[in-house]
Amino acid sequence: MGIFKPKIPSPPKDEELERQMKERREEEEAEKKRKAEEDKERKWRKSEGMIGSRSLFSRAGGKGFYYEGKEQ
């Protein structure tokens, strides 16, 4: 009868794959954190009038002399 079947052993863990997945997750978290910081900085600069269509540092048509911290 099929009541008492042996348990199938789980596959062995691949340590290299686990390490790669962990590194990738850490990189994605760091990228997400960096992106959040950039968005926060951009929002602050927009609120201060440093960037945007009505900024004092830009010209009509978006050809201003001030691009994301670089003077041209």
PDB file of N, CA and C in Angstrom:
ATOM      1  N   MET A   1       0.829  -1.162   0.000  1.00  0.00           N
ATOM      2  CA  MET A   1       0.000   0.000   0.000  1.00  0.00           C
ATOM      3  C   MET A   1       0.889   1.246   0.000  1.00  0.00           C
ATOM      4  N   GLY A   2       0.300   2.391  -0.239  1.00  0.00           N
ATOM      5  CA  GLY A   2       1.072   3.608  -0.378  1.00  0.00           C
ATOM      6  C   GLY A   2       0.974   4.550   0.795  1.00  0.00           C
ATOM      7  N   ILE A   3       0.643   4.047   1.973  1.00  0.00           N
ATOM      8  CA  ILE A   3       0.479   4.926   3.129  1.00  0.00           C
ATOM      9  C   ILE A   3       1.837   5.409   3.643  1.00  0.00           C
ATOM     10  N   PHE A   4       2.775   4.503   3.752  1.00  0.00           N
ATOM     11  CA  PHE A   4       4.069   4.849   4.331  1.00  0.00           C
ATOM     12  C   PHE A   4       5.110   4.956   3.214  1.00  0.00           C
ATOM     13  N   LYS A   5       5.186   6.127   2.632  1.00  0.00           N
ATOM     14  CA  LYS A   5       6.160   6.366   1.558  1.00  0.00           C
ATOM     15  C   LYS A   5       7.383   7.037   2.164  1.00  0.00           C
ATOM     16  N   PRO A   6       8.551   6.718   1.675  1.00  0.00           N
ATOM     17  CA  PRO A   6       9.749   7.394   2.196  1.00  0.00           C
ATOM     18  C   PRO A   6       9.767   8.860   1.754  1.00  0.00           C
ATOM     19  N   LYS A   7      10.274   9.729   2.618  1.00  0.00           N
ATOM     20  CA  LYS A   7      10.356  11.149   2.289  1.00  0.00           C
ATOM     21  C   LYS A   7      11.470  11.365   1.273  1.00  0.00           C
ATOM     22  N   ILE A   8      11.183  12.222   0.331  1.00  0.00           N
ATOM     23  CA  ILE A   8      12.181  12.562  -0.681  1.00  0.00           C
ATOM     24  C   ILE A   8      13.121  13.594  -0.069  1.00  0.00           C
ATOM     25  N   PRO A   9      14.422  13.326  -0.098  1.00  0.00           N
ATOM     26  CA  PRO A   9      15.368  14.291   0.497  1.00  0.00           C
ATOM     27  C   PRO A   9      15.420  15.573  -0.332  1.00  0.00           C
ATOM     28  N   SER A  10      15.586  16.690   0.347  1.00  0.00           N
ATOM     29  CA  SER A  10      15.667  17.967  -0.347  1.00  0.00           C
ATOM     30  C   SER A  10      17.002  18.031  -1.087  1.00  0.00           C
ATOM     31  N   PRO A  11      17.044  18.772  -2.184  1.00  0.00           N
ATOM     32  CA  PRO A  11      18.293  18.862  -2.947  1.00  0.00           C
ATOM     33  C   PRO A  11      19.365  19.584  -2.127  1.00  0.00           C
ATOM     34  N   PRO A  12      20.608  19.240  -2.365  1.00  0.00           N
ATOM     35  CA  PRO A  12      21.682  19.901  -1.604  1.00  0.00           C
ATOM     36  C   PRO A  12      21.754  21.392  -1.954  1.00  0.00           C
ATOM     37  N   LYS A  13      22.122  22.198  -0.975  1.00  0.00           N
ATOM     38  CA  LYS A  13      22.217  23.640  -1.190  1.00  0.00           C
ATOM     39  C   LYS A  13      23.492  23.952  -1.962  1.00  0.00           C
ATOM     40  N   ASP A  14      23.346  24.877  -2.877  1.00  0.00           N
ATOM     41  CA  ASP A  14      24.494  25.332  -3.652  1.00  0.00           C
ATOM     42  C   ASP A  14      25.012  26.605  -2.980  1.00  0.00           C
ATOM     43  N   GLU A  15      26.125  26.499  -2.301  1.00  0.00           N
ATOM     44  CA  GLU A  15      26.659  27.634  -1.535  1.00  0.00           C
ATOM     45  C   GLU A  15      27.058  28.790  -2.452  1.00  0.00           C
ATOM     46  N   GLU A  16      27.597  28.475  -3.617  1.00  0.00           N
ATOM     47  CA  GLU A  16      27.999  29.521  -4.551  1.00  0.00           C
ATOM     48  C   GLU A  16      26.780  30.308  -5.041  1.00  0.00           C
ATOM     49  N   LEU A  17      25.710  29.595  -5.358  1.00  0.00           N
ATOM     50  CA  LEU A  17      24.485  30.254  -5.808  1.00  0.00           C
ATOM     51  C   LEU A  17      23.897  31.116  -4.694  1.00  0.00           C
ATOM     52  N   GLU A  18      23.891  30.606  -3.474  1.00  0.00           N
ATOM     53  CA  GLU A  18      23.382  31.381  -2.336  1.00  0.00           C
ATOM     54  C   GLU A  18      24.189  32.663  -2.144  1.00  0.00           C
ATOM     55  N   ARG A  19      25.509  32.566  -2.278  1.00  0.00           N
ATOM     56  CA  ARG A  19      26.381  33.734  -2.109  1.00  0.00           C
ATOM     57  C   ARG A  19      26.098  34.765  -3.203  1.00  0.00           C
ATOM     58  N   GLN A  20      25.945  34.294  -4.447  1.00  0.00           N
ATOM     59  CA  GLN A  20      25.665  35.213  -5.552  1.00  0.00           C
ATOM     60  C   GLN A  20      24.319  35.906  -5.368  1.00  0.00           C
ATOM     61  N   MET A  21      23.316  35.164  -4.927  1.00  0.00           N
ATOM     62  CA  MET A  21      22.008  35.763  -4.699  1.00  0.00           C
ATOM     63  C   MET A  21      22.071  36.807  -3.596  1.00  0.00           C
ATOM     64  N   LYS A  22      22.823  36.533  -2.543  1.00  0.00           N
ATOM     65  CA  LYS A  22      22.962  37.472  -1.439  1.00  0.00           C
ATOM     66  C   LYS A  22      23.662  38.749  -1.907  1.00  0.00           C
ATOM     67  N   GLU A  23      24.730  38.602  -2.701  1.00  0.00           N
ATOM     68  CA  GLU A  23      25.439  39.774  -3.213  1.00  0.00           C
ATOM     69  C   GLU A  23      24.534  40.608  -4.113  1.00  0.00           C
ATOM     70  N   ARG A  24      23.773  39.940  -4.966  1.00  0.00           N
ATOM     71  CA  ARG A  24      22.867  40.657  -5.871  1.00  0.00           C
ATOM     72  C   ARG A  24      21.807  41.413  -5.083  1.00  0.00           C
ATOM     73  N   ARG A  25      21.264  40.788  -4.040  1.00  0.00           N
ATOM     74  CA  ARG A  25      20.261  41.449  -3.201  1.00  0.00           C
ATOM     75  C   ARG A  25      20.857  42.680  -2.527  1.00  0.00           C
ATOM     76  N   GLU A  26      22.096  42.559  -2.015  1.00  0.00           N
ATOM     77  CA  GLU A  26      22.746  43.697  -1.367  1.00  0.00           C
ATOM     78  C   GLU A  26      22.994  44.828  -2.362  1.00  0.00           C
ATOM     79  N   GLU A  27      23.407  44.476  -3.592  1.00  0.00           N
ATOM     80  CA  GLU A  27      23.626  45.498  -4.615  1.00  0.00           C
ATOM     81  C   GLU A  27      22.322  46.200  -4.962  1.00  0.00           C
ATOM     82  N   GLU A  28      21.238  45.459  -5.082  1.00  0.00           N
ATOM     83  CA  GLU A  28      19.943  46.055  -5.407  1.00  0.00           C
ATOM     84  C   GLU A  28      19.475  46.975  -4.286  1.00  0.00           C
ATOM     85  N   GLU A  29      19.705  46.574  -3.036  1.00  0.00           N
ATOM     86  CA  GLU A  29      19.318  47.429  -1.911  1.00  0.00           C
ATOM     87  C   GLU A  29      20.147  48.703  -1.900  1.00  0.00           C
ATOM     88  N   ALA A  30      21.449  48.593  -2.188  1.00  0.00           N
ATOM     89  CA  ALA A  30      22.306  49.776  -2.228  1.00  0.00           C
ATOM     90  C   ALA A  30      21.873  50.707  -3.351  1.00  0.00           C
ATOM     91  N   GLU A  31      21.534  50.140  -4.507  1.00  0.00           N
ATOM     92  CA  GLU A  31      21.068  50.942  -5.639  1.00  0.00           C
ATOM     93  C   GLU A  31      19.753  51.636  -5.297  1.00  0.00           C
ATOM     94  N   LYS A  32      18.857  50.919  -4.638  1.00  0.00           N
ATOM     95  CA  LYS A  32      17.573  51.496  -4.242  1.00  0.00           C
ATOM     96  C   LYS A  32      17.779  52.649  -3.262  1.00  0.00           C
ATOM     97  N   LYS A  33      18.704  52.484  -2.334  1.00  0.00           N
ATOM     98  CA  LYS A  33      18.996  53.527  -1.347  1.00  0.00           C
ATOM     99  C   LYS A  33      19.607  54.752  -2.037  1.00  0.00           C
ATOM    100  N   ARG A  34      20.529  54.512  -2.983  1.00  0.00           N
ATOM    101  CA  ARG A  34      21.163  55.606  -3.702  1.00  0.00           C
ATOM    102  C   ARG A  34      20.125  56.366  -4.524  1.00  0.00           C
ATOM    103  N   LYS A  35      19.215  55.631  -5.155  1.00  0.00           N
ATOM    104  CA  LYS A  35      18.159  56.252  -5.957  1.00  0.00           C
ATOM    105  C   LYS A  35      17.243  57.104  -5.083  1.00  0.00           C
ATOM    106  N   ALA A  36      16.912  56.601  -3.887  1.00  0.00           N
ATOM    107  CA  ALA A  36      16.054  57.357  -2.977  1.00  0.00           C
ATOM    108  C   ALA A  36      16.742  58.648  -2.545  1.00  0.00           C
ATOM    109  N   GLU A  37      18.050  58.587  -2.297  1.00  0.00           N
ATOM    110  CA  GLU A  37      18.794  59.788  -1.901  1.00  0.00           C
ATOM    111  C   GLU A  37      18.823  60.804  -3.045  1.00  0.00           C
ATOM    112  N   GLU A  38      19.028  60.307  -4.284  1.00  0.00           N
ATOM    113  CA  GLU A  38      19.038  61.216  -5.430  1.00  0.00           C
ATOM    114  C   GLU A  38      17.675  61.867  -5.630  1.00  0.00           C
ATOM    115  N   ASP A  39      16.614  61.091  -5.462  1.00  0.00           N
ATOM    116  CA  ASP A  39      15.264  61.644  -5.600  1.00  0.00           C
ATOM    117  C   ASP A  39      14.993  62.703  -4.536  1.00  0.00           C
ATOM    118  N   LYS A  40      15.455  62.442  -3.327  1.00  0.00           N
ATOM    119  CA  LYS A  40      15.274  63.400  -2.238  1.00  0.00           C
ATOM    120  C   LYS A  40      16.023  64.698  -2.543  1.00  0.00           C
ATOM    121  N   GLU A  41      17.266  64.567  -3.041  1.00  0.00           N
ATOM    122  CA  GLU A  41      18.064  65.743  -3.383  1.00  0.00           C
ATOM    123  C   GLU A  41      17.409  66.515  -4.528  1.00  0.00           C
ATOM    124  N   ARG A  42      16.933  65.789  -5.535  1.00  0.00           N
ATOM    125  CA  ARG A  42      16.291  66.444  -6.679  1.00  0.00           C
ATOM    126  C   ARG A  42      15.024  67.169  -6.242  1.00  0.00           C
ATOM    127  N   LYS A  43      14.238  66.560  -5.373  1.00  0.00           N
ATOM    128  CA  LYS A  43      13.024  67.192  -4.879  1.00  0.00           C
ATOM    129  C   LYS A  43      13.356  68.468  -4.109  1.00  0.00           C
ATOM    130  N   TRP A  44      14.404  68.423  -3.298  1.00  0.00           N
ATOM    131  CA  TRP A  44      14.810  69.605  -2.533  1.00  0.00           C
ATOM    132  C   TRP A  44      15.267  70.709  -3.477  1.00  0.00           C
ATOM    133  N   ARG A  45      16.082  70.347  -4.473  1.00  0.00           N
ATOM    134  CA  ARG A  45      16.582  71.353  -5.410  1.00  0.00           C
ATOM    135  C   ARG A  45      15.454  71.957  -6.232  1.00  0.00           C
ATOM    136  N   LYS A  46      14.461  71.147  -6.567  1.00  0.00           N
ATOM    137  CA  LYS A  46      13.313  71.673  -7.314  1.00  0.00           C
ATOM    138  C   LYS A  46      12.516  72.643  -6.440  1.00  0.00           C
ATOM    139  N   SER A  47      12.357  72.290  -5.154  1.00  0.00           N
ATOM    140  CA  SER A  47      11.607  73.177  -4.258  1.00  0.00           C
ATOM    141  C   SER A  47      12.346  74.483  -4.008  1.00  0.00           C
ATOM    142  N   GLU A  48      13.676  74.455  -4.091  1.00  0.00           N
ATOM    143  CA  GLU A  48      14.465  75.671  -3.895  1.00  0.00           C
ATOM    144  C   GLU A  48      14.568  76.507  -5.172  1.00  0.00           C
ATOM    145  N   GLY A  49      14.077  75.979  -6.287  1.00  0.00           N
ATOM    146  CA  GLY A  49      14.092  76.726  -7.536  1.00  0.00           C
ATOM    147  C   GLY A  49      15.385  76.600  -8.301  1.00  0.00           C
ATOM    148  N   MET A  50      16.193  75.618  -7.975  1.00  0.00           N
ATOM    149  CA  MET A  50      17.461  75.446  -8.680  1.00  0.00           C
ATOM    150  C   MET A  50      17.280  74.727 -10.014  1.00  0.00           C
ATOM    151  N   ILE A  51      16.277  73.861 -10.096  1.00  0.00           N
ATOM    152  CA  ILE A  51      16.005  73.159 -11.345  1.00  0.00           C
ATOM    153  C   ILE A  51      14.518  73.261 -11.637  1.00  0.00           C
ATOM    154  N   GLY A  52      14.163  73.087 -12.875  1.00  0.00           N
ATOM    155  CA  GLY A  52      12.763  73.151 -13.264  1.00  0.00           C
ATOM    156  C   GLY A  52      12.544  74.156 -14.375  1.00  0.00           C
ATOM    157  N   SER A  53      11.367  74.168 -14.918  1.00  0.00           N
ATOM    158  CA  SER A  53      11.076  75.041 -16.064  1.00  0.00           C
ATOM    159  C   SER A  53      11.040  76.515 -15.674  1.00  0.00           C
ATOM    160  N   ARG A  54      10.758  76.821 -14.410  1.00  0.00           N
ATOM    161  CA  ARG A  54      10.680  78.221 -13.984  1.00  0.00           C
ATOM    162  C   ARG A  54      11.885  78.629 -13.149  1.00  0.00           C
ATOM    163  N   SER A  55      12.942  77.866 -13.242  1.00  0.00           N
ATOM    164  CA  SER A  55      14.139  78.124 -12.462  1.00  0.00           C
ATOM    165  C   SER A  55      14.877  79.363 -12.976  1.00  0.00           C
ATOM    166  N   LEU A  56      15.555  80.048 -12.085  1.00  0.00           N
ATOM    167  CA  LEU A  56      16.377  81.183 -12.479  1.00  0.00           C
ATOM    168  C   LEU A  56      17.645  80.724 -13.189  1.00  0.00           C
ATOM    169  N   PHE A  57      17.963  79.444 -13.052  1.00  0.00           N
ATOM    170  CA  PHE A  57      19.198  78.914 -13.615  1.00  0.00           C
ATOM    171  C   PHE A  57      18.982  78.240 -14.965  1.00  0.00           C
ATOM    172  N   SER A  58      17.857  78.456 -15.585  1.00  0.00           N
ATOM    173  CA  SER A  58      17.604  77.814 -16.874  1.00  0.00           C
ATOM    174  C   SER A  58      17.135  78.844 -17.883  1.00  0.00           C
ATOM    175  N   ARG A  59      17.187  78.460 -19.123  1.00  0.00           N
ATOM    176  CA  ARG A  59      16.696  79.299 -20.200  1.00  0.00           C
ATOM    177  C   ARG A  59      15.462  78.642 -20.794  1.00  0.00           C
ATOM    178  N   ALA A  60      14.746  79.360 -21.611  1.00  0.00           N
ATOM    179  CA  ALA A  60      13.547  78.813 -22.239  1.00  0.00           C
ATOM    180  C   ALA A  60      13.927  77.613 -23.112  1.00  0.00           C
ATOM    181  N   GLY A  61      13.104  76.608 -23.089  1.00  0.00           N
ATOM    182  CA  GLY A  61      13.362  75.431 -23.900  1.00  0.00           C
ATOM    183  C   GLY A  61      14.258  74.426 -23.215  1.00  0.00           C
ATOM    184  N   GLY A  62      14.630  74.647 -21.985  1.00  0.00           N
ATOM    185  CA  GLY A  62      15.437  73.692 -21.245  1.00  0.00           C
ATOM    186  C   GLY A  62      16.915  73.724 -21.599  1.00  0.00           C
ATOM    187  N   LYS A  63      17.393  74.800 -22.229  1.00  0.00           N
ATOM    188  CA  LYS A  63      18.800  74.884 -22.599  1.00  0.00           C
ATOM    189  C   LYS A  63      19.534  75.802 -21.629  1.00  0.00           C
ATOM    190  N   GLY A  64      19.371  75.538 -20.371  1.00  0.00           N
ATOM    191  CA  GLY A  64      19.993  76.367 -19.356  1.00  0.00           C
ATOM    192  C   GLY A  64      21.471  76.079 -19.205  1.00  0.00           C
ATOM    193  N   PHE A  65      22.113  76.850 -18.378  1.00  0.00           N
ATOM    194  CA  PHE A  65      23.545  76.660 -18.154  1.00  0.00           C
ATOM    195  C   PHE A  65      23.794  75.848 -16.891  1.00  0.00           C
ATOM    196  N   TYR A  66      22.743  75.349 -16.269  1.00  0.00           N
ATOM    197  CA  TYR A  66      22.897  74.637 -14.999  1.00  0.00           C
ATOM    198  C   TYR A  66      22.231  73.275 -15.123  1.00  0.00           C
ATOM    199  N   TYR A  67      23.018  72.215 -15.217  1.00  0.00           N
ATOM    200  CA  TYR A  67      22.498  70.864 -15.357  1.00  0.00           C
ATOM    201  C   TYR A  67      22.970  70.013 -14.203  1.00  0.00           C
ATOM    202  N   GLU A  68      22.106  69.653 -13.300  1.00  0.00           N
ATOM    203  CA  GLU A  68      22.384  68.699 -12.220  1.00  0.00           C
ATOM    204  C   GLU A  68      23.743  68.910 -11.575  1.00  0.00           C
ATOM    205  N   GLY A  69      24.038  70.119 -11.185  1.00  0.00           N
ATOM    206  CA  GLY A  69      25.269  70.391 -10.460  1.00  0.00           C
ATOM    207  C   GLY A  69      26.453  70.720 -11.342  1.00  0.00           C
ATOM    208  N   LYS A  70      26.292  70.718 -12.626  1.00  0.00           N
ATOM    209  CA  LYS A  70      27.396  71.030 -13.539  1.00  0.00           C
ATOM    210  C   LYS A  70      27.126  72.380 -14.176  1.00  0.00           C
ATOM    211  N   GLU A  71      28.107  73.231 -14.177  1.00  0.00           N
ATOM    212  CA  GLU A  71      27.971  74.524 -14.846  1.00  0.00           C
ATOM    213  C   GLU A  71      28.553  74.391 -16.233  1.00  0.00           C
ATOM    214  N   GLN A  72      27.844  74.924 -17.223  1.00  0.00           N
ATOM    215  CA  GLN A  72      28.340  74.854 -18.601  1.00  0.00           C
ATOM    216  C   GLN A  72      28.392  76.211 -19.210  1.00  0.00           C
TER     217      GLN A  72
END
